[in-house]
Structures are given as structure tokens and as C-alpha cells.
Amino acid sequence: SASTYKPFVAYSMFEAVNGGEWDWEDRLVGSRTLGECFDDMIIESDNDCPERWLELVGPATVQKQMTQLGLTDTNVEWSAMRTTASDLAHFLSEVVVGDALNGNDLARLGDAMEQQEFREGIPAGVGSAVVWDKVGFLDQYLHDAAVVKSDKGEMILVILTAGGSWE
């Protein structure tokens, strides 16, 4: 999955904040708050924050949340972390296009995804459309999962490659 698992962690963070278990001002990593970590994880693809989240809440919690959303081929356990294009598309459909998040949470996630700094993938190929995406790159893997919003409507586009390039 490379870093495309980070929106799954973001969803888990929303669930914990909305459930009253966490607050955006709670410290997660060093002096960084949960809110700062959320932004760093999505915008800069920071690794410390989602890794710490999985340590604290447990991969089983995030896994259960993904299963409840209907993801059947995703695993967030470190030793077997994986996902599929189908599960990423389903996640984006439920969370970003659907109603799995409230309006404020959707705006926060969308804003971070639109600001994420690795824009050489899907955003570079769709012209002037607004793109909410999360990339993942690790070793030979290069992935991008996006919601593309244009004057013609919304489209979910997920590209997972091994040995590919942004071109």
C-alpha cells in the first residue's frame, strides 16, 4: 500500500475525535498534536504520526473500521500491510464522495488531500480539475488514489504501479 494507507488512519482519527476518545489538540508525536500530525501525514506524507497512531490505537482497531466500510482486501498490520485499487476506490467512494464523514471532517480531509505536496501523479494528468489525492511510494511501488472534481463531475481514479514512473 505504501502511504496510501494513511487516509485509512485519517478516518480512524476522525472516528476517535468524534467518539470523544481523542481531541485534535492532544499530543501524538513529541510536541505535535493530533491535528498537526493529521496534516503532516496527508500533506507531507509523514510516517511518524500514522505509525504512532497504529501503535496507540492498534492496527486491529483500524482494520475493523476498514472492514466496516466494506474494504475486503486491505490489511493495516505492519507485517502484511496491503490494499488494492478496488479497496482504495471503495474507500474514496464511501468517505470522500459518500456520507461516511460529516461535513467538517470531509472538508478537513479534502483540504489536506488537495494540498498534499506530491502532485506529479494524477493531478499532473488531469489539467485544471481539482484533485484530492494521496500518493504512496516505497521501493518500486508508486501509487496515487484520487477524487478528481471537474466541471463534468467527480471521478475516482486509483493507479497502483510496481516499477512505474509518474510519466
C-alpha atoms as a PDB file:
ATOM      1  CA  SER A   1       0.000   0.000   0.000  1.00  0.00           C
ATOM      2  CA  ALA A   2       2.942   2.329   0.624  1.00  0.00           C
ATOM      3  CA  SER A   3       1.497   5.600   2.001  1.00  0.00           C
ATOM      4  CA  THR A   4      -1.962   5.074   0.516  1.00  0.00           C
ATOM      5  CA  TYR A   5      -2.883   3.539   3.891  1.00  0.00           C
ATOM      6  CA  LYS A   6      -2.678   6.981   5.524  1.00  0.00           C
ATOM      7  CA  PRO A   7      -6.244   8.030   4.617  1.00  0.00           C
ATOM      8  CA  PHE A   8      -7.361   4.889   6.492  1.00  0.00           C
ATOM      9  CA  VAL A   9      -5.519   6.215   9.545  1.00  0.00           C
ATOM     10  CA  ALA A  10      -7.073   9.649   8.968  1.00  0.00           C
ATOM     11  CA  TYR A  11     -10.535   8.068   9.022  1.00  0.00           C
ATOM     12  CA  SER A  12      -9.630   6.310  12.281  1.00  0.00           C
ATOM     13  CA  MET A  13      -8.544   9.648  13.750  1.00  0.00           C
ATOM     14  CA  PHE A  14     -11.904  11.192  12.829  1.00  0.00           C
ATOM     15  CA  GLU A  15     -13.700   8.294  14.492  1.00  0.00           C
ATOM     16  CA  ALA A  16     -11.660   8.718  17.695  1.00  0.00           C
ATOM     17  CA  VAL A  17     -12.195  12.503  17.838  1.00  0.00           C
ATOM     18  CA  ASN A  18     -15.903  12.225  17.085  1.00  0.00           C
ATOM     19  CA  GLY A  19     -16.222   9.448  19.670  1.00  0.00           C
ATOM     20  CA  GLY A  20     -14.663  11.665  22.352  1.00  0.00           C
ATOM     21  CA  GLU A  21     -11.603   9.433  22.817  1.00  0.00           C
ATOM     22  CA  TRP A  22      -9.176  11.991  21.340  1.00  0.00           C
ATOM     23  CA  ASP A  23      -9.051  15.725  20.744  1.00  0.00           C
ATOM     24  CA  TRP A  24      -7.221  17.446  17.884  1.00  0.00           C
ATOM     25  CA  GLU A  25      -5.075  19.249  20.498  1.00  0.00           C
ATOM     26  CA  ASP A  26      -3.886  16.029  22.181  1.00  0.00           C
ATOM     27  CA  ARG A  27      -0.172  15.299  21.728  1.00  0.00           C
ATOM     28  CA  LEU A  28       0.599  12.367  19.447  1.00  0.00           C
ATOM     29  CA  VAL A  29       4.278  12.554  18.466  1.00  0.00           C
ATOM     30  CA  GLY A  30       6.654  14.705  20.518  1.00  0.00           C
ATOM     31  CA  SER A  31       5.223  18.206  20.626  1.00  0.00           C
ATOM     32  CA  ARG A  32       2.969  17.625  17.596  1.00  0.00           C
ATOM     33  CA  THR A  33      -0.751  17.455  18.227  1.00  0.00           C
ATOM     34  CA  LEU A  34      -3.132  15.025  16.619  1.00  0.00           C
ATOM     35  CA  GLY A  35      -4.292  17.839  14.330  1.00  0.00           C
ATOM     36  CA  GLU A  36      -0.755  18.699  13.280  1.00  0.00           C
ATOM     37  CA  CYS A  37       0.009  15.029  12.743  1.00  0.00           C
ATOM     38  CA  PHE A  38      -3.123  14.632  10.626  1.00  0.00           C
ATOM     39  CA  ASP A  39      -1.959  17.418   8.314  1.00  0.00           C
ATOM     40  CA  ASP A  40       1.652  16.227   8.230  1.00  0.00           C
ATOM     41  CA  MET A  41       0.565  12.659   7.449  1.00  0.00           C
ATOM     42  CA  ILE A  42      -1.604  13.636   4.480  1.00  0.00           C
ATOM     43  CA  ILE A  43       0.135  16.761   3.136  1.00  0.00           C
ATOM     44  CA  GLU A  44       3.791  15.810   3.645  1.00  0.00           C
ATOM     45  CA  SER A  45       3.331  12.022   3.826  1.00  0.00           C
ATOM     46  CA  ASP A  46       4.926  11.975   7.290  1.00  0.00           C
ATOM     47  CA  ASN A  47       5.472   8.456   8.636  1.00  0.00           C
ATOM     48  CA  ASP A  48       5.983   9.041  12.377  1.00  0.00           C
ATOM     49  CA  CYS A  49       2.392  10.131  13.009  1.00  0.00           C
ATOM     50  CA  PRO A  50       0.497   7.234  11.396  1.00  0.00           C
ATOM     51  CA  GLU A  51       2.980   4.735  12.825  1.00  0.00           C
ATOM     52  CA  ARG A  52       2.413   6.158  16.317  1.00  0.00           C
ATOM     53  CA  TRP A  53      -1.357   6.121  15.788  1.00  0.00           C
ATOM     54  CA  LEU A  54      -1.247   2.442  14.893  1.00  0.00           C
ATOM     55  CA  GLU A  55       0.905   1.754  17.975  1.00  0.00           C
ATOM     56  CA  LEU A  56      -1.534   3.543  20.275  1.00  0.00           C
ATOM     57  CA  VAL A  57      -4.944   2.503  18.946  1.00  0.00           C
ATOM     58  CA  GLY A  58      -3.802  -0.788  17.476  1.00  0.00           C
ATOM     59  CA  PRO A  59      -3.925  -1.992  13.902  1.00  0.00           C
ATOM     60  CA  ALA A  60      -6.902  -4.201  14.805  1.00  0.00           C
ATOM     61  CA  THR A  61      -8.992  -1.087  15.512  1.00  0.00           C
ATOM     62  CA  VAL A  62      -8.171   0.498  12.160  1.00  0.00           C
ATOM     63  CA  GLN A  63      -8.640  -2.865  10.427  1.00  0.00           C
ATOM     64  CA  LYS A  64     -12.110  -3.223  11.950  1.00  0.00           C
ATOM     65  CA  GLN A  65     -13.032   0.293  10.798  1.00  0.00           C
ATOM     66  CA  MET A  66     -11.912  -0.512   7.247  1.00  0.00           C
ATOM     67  CA  THR A  67     -13.850  -3.779   7.270  1.00  0.00           C
ATOM     68  CA  GLN A  68     -16.957  -1.904   8.448  1.00  0.00           C
ATOM     69  CA  LEU A  69     -16.548   0.433   5.456  1.00  0.00           C
ATOM     70  CA  GLY A  70     -16.535  -2.612   3.172  1.00  0.00           C
ATOM     71  CA  LEU A  71     -12.826  -2.928   2.399  1.00  0.00           C
ATOM     72  CA  THR A  72     -12.204  -6.643   1.904  1.00  0.00           C
ATOM     73  CA  ASP A  73      -8.633  -6.784   0.566  1.00  0.00           C
ATOM     74  CA  THR A  74      -6.900  -4.286   2.842  1.00  0.00           C
ATOM     75  CA  ASN A  75      -4.628  -5.097   5.770  1.00  0.00           C
ATOM     76  CA  VAL A  76      -3.081  -2.432   8.032  1.00  0.00           C
ATOM     77  CA  GLU A  77      -0.879  -4.834  10.058  1.00  0.00           C
ATOM     78  CA  TRP A  78       2.773  -3.796   9.630  1.00  0.00           C
ATOM     79  CA  SER A  79       3.925  -7.285   8.706  1.00  0.00           C
ATOM     80  CA  ALA A  80       1.319  -7.680   5.979  1.00  0.00           C
ATOM     81  CA  MET A  81       0.246  -4.143   5.010  1.00  0.00           C
ATOM     82  CA  ARG A  82      -1.519  -4.125   1.664  1.00  0.00           C
ATOM     83  CA  THR A  83      -4.504  -2.781  -0.228  1.00  0.00           C
ATOM     84  CA  THR A  84      -5.983  -2.972  -3.703  1.00  0.00           C
ATOM     85  CA  ALA A  85      -7.113  -0.422  -6.248  1.00  0.00           C
ATOM     86  CA  SER A  86     -10.653  -1.661  -5.698  1.00  0.00           C
ATOM     87  CA  ASP A  87     -10.490  -1.120  -1.915  1.00  0.00           C
ATOM     88  CA  LEU A  88      -8.934   2.336  -2.303  1.00  0.00           C
ATOM     89  CA  ALA A  89     -11.656   3.296  -4.778  1.00  0.00           C
ATOM     90  CA  HIS A  90     -14.319   1.923  -2.444  1.00  0.00           C
ATOM     91  CA  PHE A  91     -12.827   3.871   0.481  1.00  0.00           C
ATOM     92  CA  LEU A  92     -12.822   7.120  -1.510  1.00  0.00           C
ATOM     93  CA  SER A  93     -16.372   6.425  -2.633  1.00  0.00           C
ATOM     94  CA  GLU A  94     -17.607   5.876   0.929  1.00  0.00           C
ATOM     95  CA  VAL A  95     -15.567   8.538   2.688  1.00  0.00           C
ATOM     96  CA  VAL A  96     -14.991  11.339   0.191  1.00  0.00           C
ATOM     97  CA  VAL A  97     -17.918  11.042  -2.217  1.00  0.00           C
ATOM     98  CA  GLY A  98     -20.322   9.234   0.130  1.00  0.00           C
ATOM     99  CA  ASP A  99     -21.526  10.089   3.604  1.00  0.00           C
ATOM    100  CA  ALA A 100     -19.100   8.233   5.891  1.00  0.00           C
ATOM    101  CA  LEU A 101     -17.723  11.576   7.126  1.00  0.00           C
ATOM    102  CA  ASN A 102     -19.568  14.626   8.385  1.00  0.00           C
ATOM    103  CA  GLY A 103     -19.139  17.897   6.505  1.00  0.00           C
ATOM    104  CA  ASN A 104     -16.398  19.319   8.728  1.00  0.00           C
ATOM    105  CA  ASP A 105     -14.340  16.133   8.614  1.00  0.00           C
ATOM    106  CA  LEU A 106     -14.762  15.843   4.863  1.00  0.00           C
ATOM    107  CA  ALA A 107     -13.606  19.445   4.425  1.00  0.00           C
ATOM    108  CA  ARG A 108     -10.542  18.807   6.599  1.00  0.00           C
ATOM    109  CA  LEU A 109      -9.588  15.649   4.716  1.00  0.00           C
ATOM    110  CA  GLY A 110     -10.277  17.180   1.313  1.00  0.00           C
ATOM    111  CA  ASP A 111      -8.249  20.279   2.104  1.00  0.00           C
ATOM    112  CA  ALA A 112      -5.280  18.199   3.219  1.00  0.00           C
ATOM    113  CA  MET A 113      -5.513  15.895   0.190  1.00  0.00           C
ATOM    114  CA  GLU A 114      -5.717  18.868  -2.159  1.00  0.00           C
ATOM    115  CA  GLN A 115      -2.629  20.384  -0.510  1.00  0.00           C
ATOM    116  CA  GLN A 116      -0.551  17.194  -0.444  1.00  0.00           C
ATOM    117  CA  GLU A 117       2.780  18.125  -1.910  1.00  0.00           C
ATOM    118  CA  PHE A 118       3.436  15.241  -4.306  1.00  0.00           C
ATOM    119  CA  ARG A 119       1.490  16.414  -7.370  1.00  0.00           C
ATOM    120  CA  GLU A 120       3.373  14.634 -10.194  1.00  0.00           C
ATOM    121  CA  GLY A 121       0.835  11.808 -10.485  1.00  0.00           C
ATOM    122  CA  ILE A 122      -2.893  12.164 -11.124  1.00  0.00           C
ATOM    123  CA  PRO A 123      -3.008  15.957 -10.565  1.00  0.00           C
ATOM    124  CA  ALA A 124      -0.433  16.481 -13.335  1.00  0.00           C
ATOM    125  CA  GLY A 125      -2.503  14.483 -15.791  1.00  0.00           C
ATOM    126  CA  VAL A 126      -5.977  15.972 -15.377  1.00  0.00           C
ATOM    127  CA  GLY A 127      -5.487  19.609 -16.297  1.00  0.00           C
ATOM    128  CA  SER A 128      -7.383  22.208 -14.319  1.00  0.00           C
ATOM    129  CA  ALA A 129      -9.551  19.808 -12.311  1.00  0.00           C
ATOM    130  CA  VAL A 130      -9.446  19.899  -8.511  1.00  0.00           C
ATOM    131  CA  VAL A 131      -7.730  16.759  -7.234  1.00  0.00           C
ATOM    132  CA  TRP A 132      -7.947  15.342  -3.732  1.00  0.00           C
ATOM    133  CA  ASP A 133      -5.329  12.611  -3.674  1.00  0.00           C
ATOM    134  CA  LYS A 134      -2.887  10.645  -1.603  1.00  0.00           C
ATOM    135  CA  VAL A 135       0.226   9.172  -3.132  1.00  0.00           C
ATOM    136  CA  GLY A 136       2.281   6.290  -1.877  1.00  0.00           C
ATOM    137  CA  PHE A 137       5.773   5.407  -2.949  1.00  0.00           C
ATOM    138  CA  LEU A 138       8.055   2.793  -1.474  1.00  0.00           C
ATOM    139  CA  ASP A 139      10.849   0.900  -3.194  1.00  0.00           C
ATOM    140  CA  GLN A 140       9.482   0.009  -6.645  1.00  0.00           C
ATOM    141  CA  TYR A 141       5.887   0.929  -5.770  1.00  0.00           C
ATOM    142  CA  LEU A 142       4.357   4.190  -6.970  1.00  0.00           C
ATOM    143  CA  HIS A 143       0.646   4.709  -6.227  1.00  0.00           C
ATOM    144  CA  ASP A 144      -1.922   7.503  -6.400  1.00  0.00           C
ATOM    145  CA  ALA A 145      -5.550   7.408  -5.237  1.00  0.00           C
ATOM    146  CA  ALA A 146      -7.709  10.408  -6.055  1.00  0.00           C
ATOM    147  CA  VAL A 147     -11.058  12.061  -6.330  1.00  0.00           C
ATOM    148  CA  VAL A 148     -10.988  14.299  -9.409  1.00  0.00           C
ATOM    149  CA  LYS A 149     -13.533  17.124  -9.453  1.00  0.00           C
ATOM    150  CA  SER A 150     -14.168  18.920 -12.711  1.00  0.00           C
ATOM    151  CA  ASP A 151     -16.993  20.801 -14.370  1.00  0.00           C
ATOM    152  CA  LYS A 152     -18.074  17.428 -15.792  1.00  0.00           C
ATOM    153  CA  GLY A 153     -18.495  15.870 -12.355  1.00  0.00           C
ATOM    154  CA  GLU A 154     -16.500  13.762  -9.926  1.00  0.00           C
ATOM    155  CA  MET A 155     -14.403  10.720 -10.746  1.00  0.00           C
ATOM    156  CA  ILE A 156     -12.461   8.338  -8.557  1.00  0.00           C
ATOM    157  CA  LEU A 157      -9.153   7.288 -10.056  1.00  0.00           C
ATOM    158  CA  VAL A 158      -6.702   4.873  -8.441  1.00  0.00           C
ATOM    159  CA  ILE A 159      -3.404   3.890 -10.036  1.00  0.00           C
ATOM    160  CA  LEU A 160      -1.129   1.351  -8.360  1.00  0.00           C
ATOM    161  CA  THR A 161       2.168   0.504 -10.042  1.00  0.00           C
ATOM    162  CA  ALA A 162       5.268  -1.554  -9.413  1.00  0.00           C
ATOM    163  CA  GLY A 163       8.266  -0.329 -11.343  1.00  0.00           C
ATOM    164  CA  GLY A 164       6.315   2.558 -12.855  1.00  0.00           C
ATOM    165  CA  SER A 165       7.031   6.256 -13.044  1.00  0.00           C
ATOM    166  CA  TRP A 166       4.980   9.429 -12.754  1.00  0.00           C
ATOM    167  CA  GLU A 167       5.058   9.750 -16.530  1.00  0.00           C
END
